[in-house]
Amino acid sequence: DGTIPRKNLAQVLLGIERMESTYGLRCANVFHAGDGNL
């Protein structure tokens, strides 16, 4: 549960995608996009 500026949603989602490879774990993203709450 973290919150980010809406303009950075794409940047953070790509960062999480890279972390999936780093840690060898899958991640499902579901969030309150309107207020940036991941």
ModelCIF file with pLDDT and N, C-alpha, C, O atoms, coordinates in Angstrom:
data_MODEL
#
_entry.id   MODEL 
#
_entity.id                         1 
_entity.type                       polymer 
_entity.pdbx_number_of_molecules   1 
#
_entity_poly.entity_id                      1 
_entity_poly.type                           'polypeptide(L)' 
_entity_poly.nstd_linkage                   no 
_entity_poly.nstd_monomer                   no 
_entity_poly.pdbx_seq_one_letter_code       DGTIPRKNLAQVLLGIERMESTYGLRCANVFHAGDGNL 
_entity_poly.pdbx_seq_one_letter_code_can   DGTIPRKNLAQVLLGIERMESTYGLRCANVFHAGDGNL 
_entity_poly.pdbx_strand_id                 A 
#
loop_
_entity_poly_seq.entity_id 
_entity_poly_seq.num 
_entity_poly_seq.mon_id 
_entity_poly_seq.hetero 
1 1  ASP n 
1 2  GLY n 
1 3  THR n 
1 4  ILE n 
1 5  PRO n 
1 6  ARG n 
1 7  LYS n 
1 8  ASN n 
1 9  LEU n 
1 10 ALA n 
1 11 GLN n 
1 12 VAL n 
1 13 LEU n 
1 14 LEU n 
1 15 GLY n 
1 16 ILE n 
1 17 GLU n 
1 18 ARG n 
1 19 MET n 
1 20 GLU n 
1 21 SER n 
1 22 THR n 
1 23 TYR n 
1 24 GLY n 
1 25 LEU n 
1 26 ARG n 
1 27 CYS n 
1 28 ALA n 
1 29 ASN n 
1 30 VAL n 
1 31 PHE n 
1 32 HIS n 
1 33 ALA n 
1 34 GLY n 
1 35 ASP n 
1 36 GLY n 
1 37 ASN n 
1 38 LEU n 
#
_struct_asym.id          A 
_struct_asym.entity_id   1 
#
loop_
_ma_qa_metric.id 
_ma_qa_metric.mode 
_ma_qa_metric.name 
_ma_qa_metric.software_group_id 
_ma_qa_metric.type 
1 global pLDDT . pLDDT 
2 local  pLDDT . pLDDT 
#
_ma_qa_metric_global.metric_id      1 
_ma_qa_metric_global.metric_value   92.32 
_ma_qa_metric_global.model_id       1 
_ma_qa_metric_global.ordinal_id     1 
#
loop_
_ma_qa_metric_local.label_asym_id 
_ma_qa_metric_local.label_comp_id 
_ma_qa_metric_local.label_seq_id 
_ma_qa_metric_local.metric_id 
_ma_qa_metric_local.metric_value 
_ma_qa_metric_local.model_id 
_ma_qa_metric_local.ordinal_id 
A ASP 1  2 93.00 1 1  
A GLY 2  2 95.00 1 2  
A THR 3  2 95.00 1 3  
A ILE 4  2 95.00 1 4  
A PRO 5  2 93.00 1 5  
A ARG 6  2 88.00 1 6  
A LYS 7  2 87.00 1 7  
A ASN 8  2 91.00 1 8  
A LEU 9  2 88.00 1 9  
A ALA 10 2 85.00 1 10 
A GLN 11 2 90.00 1 11 
A VAL 12 2 93.00 1 12 
A LEU 13 2 90.00 1 13 
A LEU 14 2 91.00 1 14 
A GLY 15 2 95.00 1 15 
A ILE 16 2 95.00 1 16 
A GLU 17 2 93.00 1 17 
A ARG 18 2 95.00 1 18 
A MET 19 2 96.00 1 19 
A GLU 20 2 96.00 1 20 
A SER 21 2 96.00 1 21 
A THR 22 2 95.00 1 22 
A TYR 23 2 96.00 1 23 
A GLY 24 2 96.00 1 24 
A LEU 25 2 97.00 1 25 
A ARG 26 2 95.00 1 26 
A CYS 27 2 96.00 1 27 
A ALA 28 2 93.00 1 28 
A ASN 29 2 92.00 1 29 
A VAL 30 2 89.00 1 30 
A PHE 31 2 86.00 1 31 
A HIS 32 2 89.00 1 32 
A ALA 33 2 89.00 1 33 
A GLY 34 2 89.00 1 34 
A ASP 35 2 89.00 1 35 
A GLY 36 2 91.00 1 36 
A ASN 37 2 93.00 1 37 
A LEU 38 2 93.00 1 38 
#
loop_
_atom_site.group_PDB 
_atom_site.id 
_atom_site.type_symbol 
_atom_site.label_atom_id 
_atom_site.label_alt_id 
_atom_site.label_comp_id 
_atom_site.label_asym_id 
_atom_site.label_entity_id 
_atom_site.label_seq_id 
_atom_site.pdbx_PDB_ins_code 
_atom_site.Cartn_x 
_atom_site.Cartn_y 
_atom_site.Cartn_z 
_atom_site.occupancy 
_atom_site.B_iso_or_equiv 
_atom_site.pdbx_formal_charge 
_atom_site.auth_seq_id 
_atom_site.auth_comp_id 
_atom_site.auth_asym_id 
_atom_site.auth_atom_id 
_atom_site.pdbx_PDB_model_num 
ATOM 1   N N  . ASP A 1 1  ? 0.857  -1.185  0.000   1.00 93.00 ? 1  ASP A N  1 
ATOM 2   C CA . ASP A 1 1  ? 0.000  0.000   0.000   1.00 93.00 ? 1  ASP A CA 1 
ATOM 3   C C  . ASP A 1 1  ? 0.889  1.230   0.000   1.00 93.00 ? 1  ASP A C  1 
ATOM 4   O O  . ASP A 1 1  ? 1.460  1.592   1.029   1.00 93.00 ? 1  ASP A O  1 
ATOM 5   N N  . GLY A 1 2  ? 1.006  1.869   -1.152  1.00 95.00 ? 2  GLY A N  1 
ATOM 6   C CA . GLY A 1 2  ? 1.774  3.107   -1.257  1.00 95.00 ? 2  GLY A CA 1 
ATOM 7   C C  . GLY A 1 2  ? 1.038  4.076   -2.158  1.00 95.00 ? 2  GLY A C  1 
ATOM 8   O O  . GLY A 1 2  ? 0.182  3.665   -2.942  1.00 95.00 ? 2  GLY A O  1 
ATOM 9   N N  . THR A 1 3  ? 1.360  5.360   -2.058  1.00 95.00 ? 3  THR A N  1 
ATOM 10  C CA . THR A 1 3  ? 0.678  6.369   -2.866  1.00 95.00 ? 3  THR A CA 1 
ATOM 11  C C  . THR A 1 3  ? 1.698  7.225   -3.600  1.00 95.00 ? 3  THR A C  1 
ATOM 12  O O  . THR A 1 3  ? 2.729  7.608   -3.047  1.00 95.00 ? 3  THR A O  1 
ATOM 13  N N  . ILE A 1 4  ? 1.387  7.515   -4.856  1.00 95.00 ? 4  ILE A N  1 
ATOM 14  C CA . ILE A 1 4  ? 2.315  8.276   -5.700  1.00 95.00 ? 4  ILE A CA 1 
ATOM 15  C C  . ILE A 1 4  ? 1.555  9.363   -6.456  1.00 95.00 ? 4  ILE A C  1 
ATOM 16  O O  . ILE A 1 4  ? 0.333  9.283   -6.581  1.00 95.00 ? 4  ILE A O  1 
ATOM 17  N N  . PRO A 1 5  ? 2.262  10.380  -6.966  1.00 93.00 ? 5  PRO A N  1 
ATOM 18  C CA . PRO A 1 5  ? 1.609  11.341  -7.857  1.00 93.00 ? 5  PRO A CA 1 
ATOM 19  C C  . PRO A 1 5  ? 1.077  10.618  -9.097  1.00 93.00 ? 5  PRO A C  1 
ATOM 20  O O  . PRO A 1 5  ? 1.740  9.731   -9.635  1.00 93.00 ? 5  PRO A O  1 
ATOM 21  N N  . ARG A 1 6  ? -0.114 10.998  -9.543  1.00 88.00 ? 6  ARG A N  1 
ATOM 22  C CA . ARG A 1 6  ? -0.733 10.298  -10.680 1.00 88.00 ? 6  ARG A CA 1 
ATOM 23  C C  . ARG A 1 6  ? 0.151  10.323  -11.924 1.00 88.00 ? 6  ARG A C  1 
ATOM 24  O O  . ARG A 1 6  ? 0.141  9.375   -12.710 1.00 88.00 ? 6  ARG A O  1 
ATOM 25  N N  . LYS A 1 7  ? 0.915  11.401  -12.109 1.00 87.00 ? 7  LYS A N  1 
ATOM 26  C CA . LYS A 1 7  ? 1.742  11.513  -13.309 1.00 87.00 ? 7  LYS A CA 1 
ATOM 27  C C  . LYS A 1 7  ? 2.837  10.459  -13.358 1.00 87.00 ? 7  LYS A C  1 
ATOM 28  O O  . LYS A 1 7  ? 3.421  10.221  -14.416 1.00 87.00 ? 7  LYS A O  1 
ATOM 29  N N  . ASN A 1 8  ? 3.125  9.818   -12.210 1.00 91.00 ? 8  ASN A N  1 
ATOM 30  C CA . ASN A 1 8  ? 4.192  8.829   -12.153 1.00 91.00 ? 8  ASN A CA 1 
ATOM 31  C C  . ASN A 1 8  ? 3.685  7.388   -12.166 1.00 91.00 ? 8  ASN A C  1 
ATOM 32  O O  . ASN A 1 8  ? 4.463  6.461   -11.940 1.00 91.00 ? 8  ASN A O  1 
ATOM 33  N N  . LEU A 1 9  ? 2.401  7.188   -12.426 1.00 88.00 ? 9  LEU A N  1 
ATOM 34  C CA . LEU A 1 9  ? 1.839  5.832   -12.416 1.00 88.00 ? 9  LEU A CA 1 
ATOM 35  C C  . LEU A 1 9  ? 2.592  4.901   -13.368 1.00 88.00 ? 9  LEU A C  1 
ATOM 36  O O  . LEU A 1 9  ? 3.005  3.810   -12.974 1.00 88.00 ? 9  LEU A O  1 
ATOM 37  N N  . ALA A 1 10 ? 2.766  5.323   -14.601 1.00 85.00 ? 10 ALA A N  1 
ATOM 38  C CA . ALA A 1 10 ? 3.427  4.469   -15.590 1.00 85.00 ? 10 ALA A CA 1 
ATOM 39  C C  . ALA A 1 10 ? 4.858  4.157   -15.164 1.00 85.00 ? 10 ALA A C  1 
ATOM 40  O O  . ALA A 1 10 ? 5.310  3.018   -15.279 1.00 85.00 ? 10 ALA A O  1 
ATOM 41  N N  . GLN A 1 11 ? 5.566  5.165   -14.674 1.00 90.00 ? 11 GLN A N  1 
ATOM 42  C CA . GLN A 1 11 ? 6.962  4.975   -14.244 1.00 90.00 ? 11 GLN A CA 1 
ATOM 43  C C  . GLN A 1 11 ? 7.063  3.941   -13.135 1.00 90.00 ? 11 GLN A C  1 
ATOM 44  O O  . GLN A 1 11 ? 7.940  3.078   -13.164 1.00 90.00 ? 11 GLN A O  1 
ATOM 45  N N  . VAL A 1 12 ? 6.164  4.026   -12.155 1.00 93.00 ? 12 VAL A N  1 
ATOM 46  C CA . VAL A 1 12 ? 6.217  3.107   -11.019 1.00 93.00 ? 12 VAL A CA 1 
ATOM 47  C C  . VAL A 1 12 ? 5.796  1.696   -11.432 1.00 93.00 ? 12 VAL A C  1 
ATOM 48  O O  . VAL A 1 12 ? 6.383  0.717   -10.971 1.00 93.00 ? 12 VAL A O  1 
ATOM 49  N N  . LEU A 1 13 ? 4.787  1.583   -12.296 1.00 90.00 ? 13 LEU A N  1 
ATOM 50  C CA . LEU A 1 13 ? 4.367  0.265   -12.765 1.00 90.00 ? 13 LEU A CA 1 
ATOM 51  C C  . LEU A 1 13 ? 5.490  -0.435  -13.526 1.00 90.00 ? 13 LEU A C  1 
ATOM 52  O O  . LEU A 1 13 ? 5.672  -1.644  -13.384 1.00 90.00 ? 13 LEU A O  1 
ATOM 53  N N  . LEU A 1 14 ? 6.242  0.309   -14.329 1.00 91.00 ? 14 LEU A N  1 
ATOM 54  C CA . LEU A 1 14 ? 7.385  -0.278  -15.025 1.00 91.00 ? 14 LEU A CA 1 
ATOM 55  C C  . LEU A 1 14 ? 8.475  -0.683  -14.026 1.00 91.00 ? 14 LEU A C  1 
ATOM 56  O O  . LEU A 1 14 ? 9.144  -1.701  -14.198 1.00 91.00 ? 14 LEU A O  1 
ATOM 57  N N  . GLY A 1 15 ? 8.638  0.132   -12.981 1.00 95.00 ? 15 GLY A N  1 
ATOM 58  C CA . GLY A 1 15 ? 9.616  -0.208  -11.946 1.00 95.00 ? 15 GLY A CA 1 
ATOM 59  C C  . GLY A 1 15 ? 9.244  -1.496  -11.234 1.00 95.00 ? 15 GLY A C  1 
ATOM 60  O O  . GLY A 1 15 ? 10.110 -2.327  -10.961 1.00 95.00 ? 15 GLY A O  1 
ATOM 61  N N  . ILE A 1 16 ? 7.955  -1.670  -10.927 1.00 95.00 ? 16 ILE A N  1 
ATOM 62  C CA . ILE A 1 16 ? 7.490  -2.901  -10.283 1.00 95.00 ? 16 ILE A CA 1 
ATOM 63  C C  . ILE A 1 16 ? 7.707  -4.098  -11.196 1.00 95.00 ? 16 ILE A C  1 
ATOM 64  O O  . ILE A 1 16 ? 8.062  -5.184  -10.738 1.00 95.00 ? 16 ILE A O  1 
ATOM 65  N N  . GLU A 1 17 ? 7.490  -3.892  -12.499 1.00 93.00 ? 17 GLU A N  1 
ATOM 66  C CA . GLU A 1 17 ? 7.708  -4.968  -13.476 1.00 93.00 ? 17 GLU A CA 1 
ATOM 67  C C  . GLU A 1 17 ? 9.165  -5.422  -13.453 1.00 93.00 ? 17 GLU A C  1 
ATOM 68  O O  . GLU A 1 17 ? 9.442  -6.620  -13.513 1.00 93.00 ? 17 GLU A O  1 
ATOM 69  N N  . ARG A 1 18 ? 10.095 -4.475  -13.367 1.00 95.00 ? 18 ARG A N  1 
ATOM 70  C CA . ARG A 1 18 ? 11.522 -4.840  -13.294 1.00 95.00 ? 18 ARG A CA 1 
ATOM 71  C C  . ARG A 1 18 ? 11.828 -5.577  -12.002 1.00 95.00 ? 18 ARG A C  1 
ATOM 72  O O  . ARG A 1 18 ? 12.639 -6.503  -11.993 1.00 95.00 ? 18 ARG A O  1 
ATOM 73  N N  . MET A 1 19 ? 11.174 -5.169  -10.892 1.00 96.00 ? 19 MET A N  1 
ATOM 74  C CA . MET A 1 19 ? 11.411 -5.836  -9.608  1.00 96.00 ? 19 MET A CA 1 
ATOM 75  C C  . MET A 1 19 ? 10.939 -7.288  -9.629  1.00 96.00 ? 19 MET A C  1 
ATOM 76  O O  . MET A 1 19 ? 11.501 -8.133  -8.933  1.00 96.00 ? 19 MET A O  1 
ATOM 77  N N  . GLU A 1 20 ? 9.901  -7.581  -10.429 1.00 96.00 ? 20 GLU A N  1 
ATOM 78  C CA . GLU A 1 20 ? 9.440  -8.970  -10.545 1.00 96.00 ? 20 GLU A CA 1 
ATOM 79  C C  . GLU A 1 20 ? 10.593 -9.866  -11.003 1.00 96.00 ? 20 GLU A C  1 
ATOM 80  O O  . GLU A 1 20 ? 10.769 -10.972 -10.490 1.00 96.00 ? 20 GLU A O  1 
ATOM 81  N N  . SER A 1 21 ? 11.371 -9.387  -11.964 1.00 96.00 ? 21 SER A N  1 
ATOM 82  C CA . SER A 1 21 ? 12.518 -10.157 -12.446 1.00 96.00 ? 21 SER A CA 1 
ATOM 83  C C  . SER A 1 21 ? 13.609 -10.242 -11.387 1.00 96.00 ? 21 SER A C  1 
ATOM 84  O O  . SER A 1 21 ? 14.230 -11.287 -11.195 1.00 96.00 ? 21 SER A O  1 
ATOM 85  N N  . THR A 1 22 ? 13.831 -9.114  -10.700 1.00 95.00 ? 22 THR A N  1 
ATOM 86  C CA . THR A 1 22 ? 14.873 -9.079  -9.673  1.00 95.00 ? 22 THR A CA 1 
ATOM 87  C C  . THR A 1 22 ? 14.607 -10.088 -8.562  1.00 95.00 ? 22 THR A C  1 
ATOM 88  O O  . THR A 1 22 ? 15.515 -10.802 -8.134  1.00 95.00 ? 22 THR A O  1 
ATOM 89  N N  . TYR A 1 23 ? 13.369 -10.146 -8.099  1.00 96.00 ? 23 TYR A N  1 
ATOM 90  C CA . TYR A 1 23 ? 13.043 -10.998 -6.952  1.00 96.00 ? 23 TYR A CA 1 
ATOM 91  C C  . TYR A 1 23 ? 12.471 -12.351 -7.351  1.00 96.00 ? 23 TYR A C  1 
ATOM 92  O O  . TYR A 1 23 ? 12.256 -13.200 -6.485  1.00 96.00 ? 23 TYR A O  1 
ATOM 93  N N  . GLY A 1 24 ? 12.218 -12.577 -8.636  1.00 96.00 ? 24 GLY A N  1 
ATOM 94  C CA . GLY A 1 24 ? 11.697 -13.867 -9.072  1.00 96.00 ? 24 GLY A CA 1 
ATOM 95  C C  . GLY A 1 24 ? 10.307 -14.157 -8.555  1.00 96.00 ? 24 GLY A C  1 
ATOM 96  O O  . GLY A 1 24 ? 9.957  -15.315 -8.326  1.00 96.00 ? 24 GLY A O  1 
ATOM 97  N N  . LEU A 1 25 ? 9.489  -13.092 -8.364  1.00 97.00 ? 25 LEU A N  1 
ATOM 98  C CA . LEU A 1 25 ? 8.127  -13.242 -7.860  1.00 97.00 ? 25 LEU A CA 1 
ATOM 99  C C  . LEU A 1 25 ? 7.167  -12.458 -8.750  1.00 97.00 ? 25 LEU A C  1 
ATOM 100 O O  . LEU A 1 25 ? 7.511  -11.398 -9.272  1.00 97.00 ? 25 LEU A O  1 
ATOM 101 N N  . ARG A 1 26 ? 5.959  -12.996 -8.915  1.00 95.00 ? 26 ARG A N  1 
ATOM 102 C CA . ARG A 1 26 ? 4.941  -12.274 -9.683  1.00 95.00 ? 26 ARG A CA 1 
ATOM 103 C C  . ARG A 1 26 ? 4.271  -11.210 -8.821  1.00 95.00 ? 26 ARG A C  1 
ATOM 104 O O  . ARG A 1 26 ? 4.244  -11.307 -7.594  1.00 95.00 ? 26 ARG A O  1 
ATOM 105 N N  . CYS A 1 27 ? 3.731  -10.194 -9.488  1.00 96.00 ? 27 CYS A N  1 
ATOM 106 C CA . CYS A 1 27 ? 3.032  -9.127  -8.777  1.00 96.00 ? 27 CYS A CA 1 
ATOM 107 C C  . CYS A 1 27 ? 1.802  -8.732  -9.573  1.00 96.00 ? 27 CYS A C  1 
ATOM 108 O O  . CYS A 1 27 ? 1.900  -8.390  -10.751 1.00 96.00 ? 27 CYS A O  1 
ATOM 109 N N  . ALA A 1 28 ? 0.647  -8.778  -8.931  1.00 93.00 ? 28 ALA A N  1 
ATOM 110 C CA . ALA A 1 28 ? -0.605 -8.328  -9.545  1.00 93.00 ? 28 ALA A CA 1 
ATOM 111 C C  . ALA A 1 28 ? -0.889 -6.916  -9.050  1.00 93.00 ? 28 ALA A C  1 
ATOM 112 O O  . ALA A 1 28 ? -0.915 -6.669  -7.844  1.00 93.00 ? 28 ALA A O  1 
ATOM 113 N N  . ASN A 1 29 ? -1.103 -5.993  -9.982  1.00 92.00 ? 29 ASN A N  1 
ATOM 114 C CA . ASN A 1 29 ? -1.310 -4.593  -9.603  1.00 92.00 ? 29 ASN A CA 1 
ATOM 115 C C  . ASN A 1 29 ? -2.781 -4.217  -9.694  1.00 92.00 ? 29 ASN A C  1 
ATOM 116 O O  . ASN A 1 29 ? -3.404 -4.340  -10.748 1.00 92.00 ? 29 ASN A O  1 
ATOM 117 N N  . VAL A 1 30 ? -3.322 -3.759  -8.579  1.00 89.00 ? 30 VAL A N  1 
ATOM 118 C CA . VAL A 1 30 ? -4.696 -3.292  -8.512  1.00 89.00 ? 30 VAL A CA 1 
ATOM 119 C C  . VAL A 1 30 ? -4.701 -2.104  -7.566  1.00 89.00 ? 30 VAL A C  1 
ATOM 120 O O  . VAL A 1 30 ? -4.164 -2.183  -6.461  1.00 89.00 ? 30 VAL A O  1 
ATOM 121 N N  . PHE A 1 31 ? -5.316 -0.983  -8.002  1.00 86.00 ? 31 PHE A N  1 
ATOM 122 C CA . PHE A 1 31 ? -5.155 0.192   -7.151  1.00 86.00 ? 31 PHE A CA 1 
ATOM 123 C C  . PHE A 1 31 ? -6.172 1.282   -7.467  1.00 86.00 ? 31 PHE A C  1 
ATOM 124 O O  . PHE A 1 31 ? -6.839 1.280   -8.502  1.00 86.00 ? 31 PHE A O  1 
ATOM 125 N N  . HIS A 1 32 ? -6.253 2.212   -6.519  1.00 89.00 ? 32 HIS A N  1 
ATOM 126 C CA . HIS A 1 32 ? -7.089 3.399   -6.670  1.00 89.00 ? 32 HIS A CA 1 
ATOM 127 C C  . HIS A 1 32 ? -6.323 4.389   -7.540  1.00 89.00 ? 32 HIS A C  1 
ATOM 128 O O  . HIS A 1 32 ? -5.621 5.266   -7.036  1.00 89.00 ? 32 HIS A O  1 
ATOM 129 N N  . ALA A 1 33 ? -6.469 4.235   -8.840  1.00 89.00 ? 33 ALA A N  1 
ATOM 130 C CA . ALA A 1 33 ? -5.645 5.015   -9.768  1.00 89.00 ? 33 ALA A CA 1 
ATOM 131 C C  . ALA A 1 33 ? -5.913 6.506   -9.649  1.00 89.00 ? 33 ALA A C  1 
ATOM 132 O O  . ALA A 1 33 ? -5.005 7.316   -9.833  1.00 89.00 ? 33 ALA A O  1 
ATOM 133 N N  . GLY A 1 34 ? -7.156 6.879   -9.341  1.00 89.00 ? 34 GLY A N  1 
ATOM 134 C CA . GLY A 1 34 ? -7.514 8.288   -9.310  1.00 89.00 ? 34 GLY A CA 1 
ATOM 135 C C  . GLY A 1 34 ? -6.722 9.100   -8.308  1.00 89.00 ? 34 GLY A C  1 
ATOM 136 O O  . GLY A 1 34 ? -6.409 10.263  -8.563  1.00 89.00 ? 34 GLY A O  1 
ATOM 137 N N  . ASP A 1 35 ? -6.390 8.500   -7.161  1.00 89.00 ? 35 ASP A N  1 
ATOM 138 C CA . ASP A 1 35 ? -5.594 9.231   -6.169  1.00 89.00 ? 35 ASP A CA 1 
ATOM 139 C C  . ASP A 1 35 ? -4.201 8.638   -6.016  1.00 89.00 ? 35 ASP A C  1 
ATOM 140 O O  . ASP A 1 35 ? -3.493 8.951   -5.059  1.00 89.00 ? 35 ASP A O  1 
ATOM 141 N N  . GLY A 1 36 ? -3.801 7.778   -6.959  1.00 91.00 ? 36 GLY A N  1 
ATOM 142 C CA . GLY A 1 36 ? -2.432 7.255   -6.966  1.00 91.00 ? 36 GLY A CA 1 
ATOM 143 C C  . GLY A 1 36 ? -2.127 6.263   -5.875  1.00 91.00 ? 36 GLY A C  1 
ATOM 144 O O  . GLY A 1 36 ? -0.958 6.055   -5.550  1.00 91.00 ? 36 GLY A O  1 
ATOM 145 N N  . ASN A 1 37 ? -3.149 5.635   -5.290  1.00 93.00 ? 37 ASN A N  1 
ATOM 146 C CA . ASN A 1 37 ? -2.950 4.688   -4.191  1.00 93.00 ? 37 ASN A CA 1 
ATOM 147 C C  . ASN A 1 37 ? -2.786 3.276   -4.752  1.00 93.00 ? 37 ASN A C  1 
ATOM 148 O O  . ASN A 1 37 ? -3.753 2.655   -5.195  1.00 93.00 ? 37 ASN A O  1 
ATOM 149 N N  . LEU A 1 38 ? -1.540 2.775   -4.727  1.00 93.00 ? 38 LEU A N  1 
ATOM 150 C CA . LEU A 1 38 ? -1.209 1.470   -5.292  1.00 93.00 ? 38 LEU A CA 1 
ATOM 151 C C  . LEU A 1 38 ? -1.449 0.349   -4.293  1.00 93.00 ? 38 LEU A C  1 
ATOM 152 O O  . LEU A 1 38 ? -1.220 -0.818  -4.607  1.00 93.00 ? 38 LEU A O  1 
#
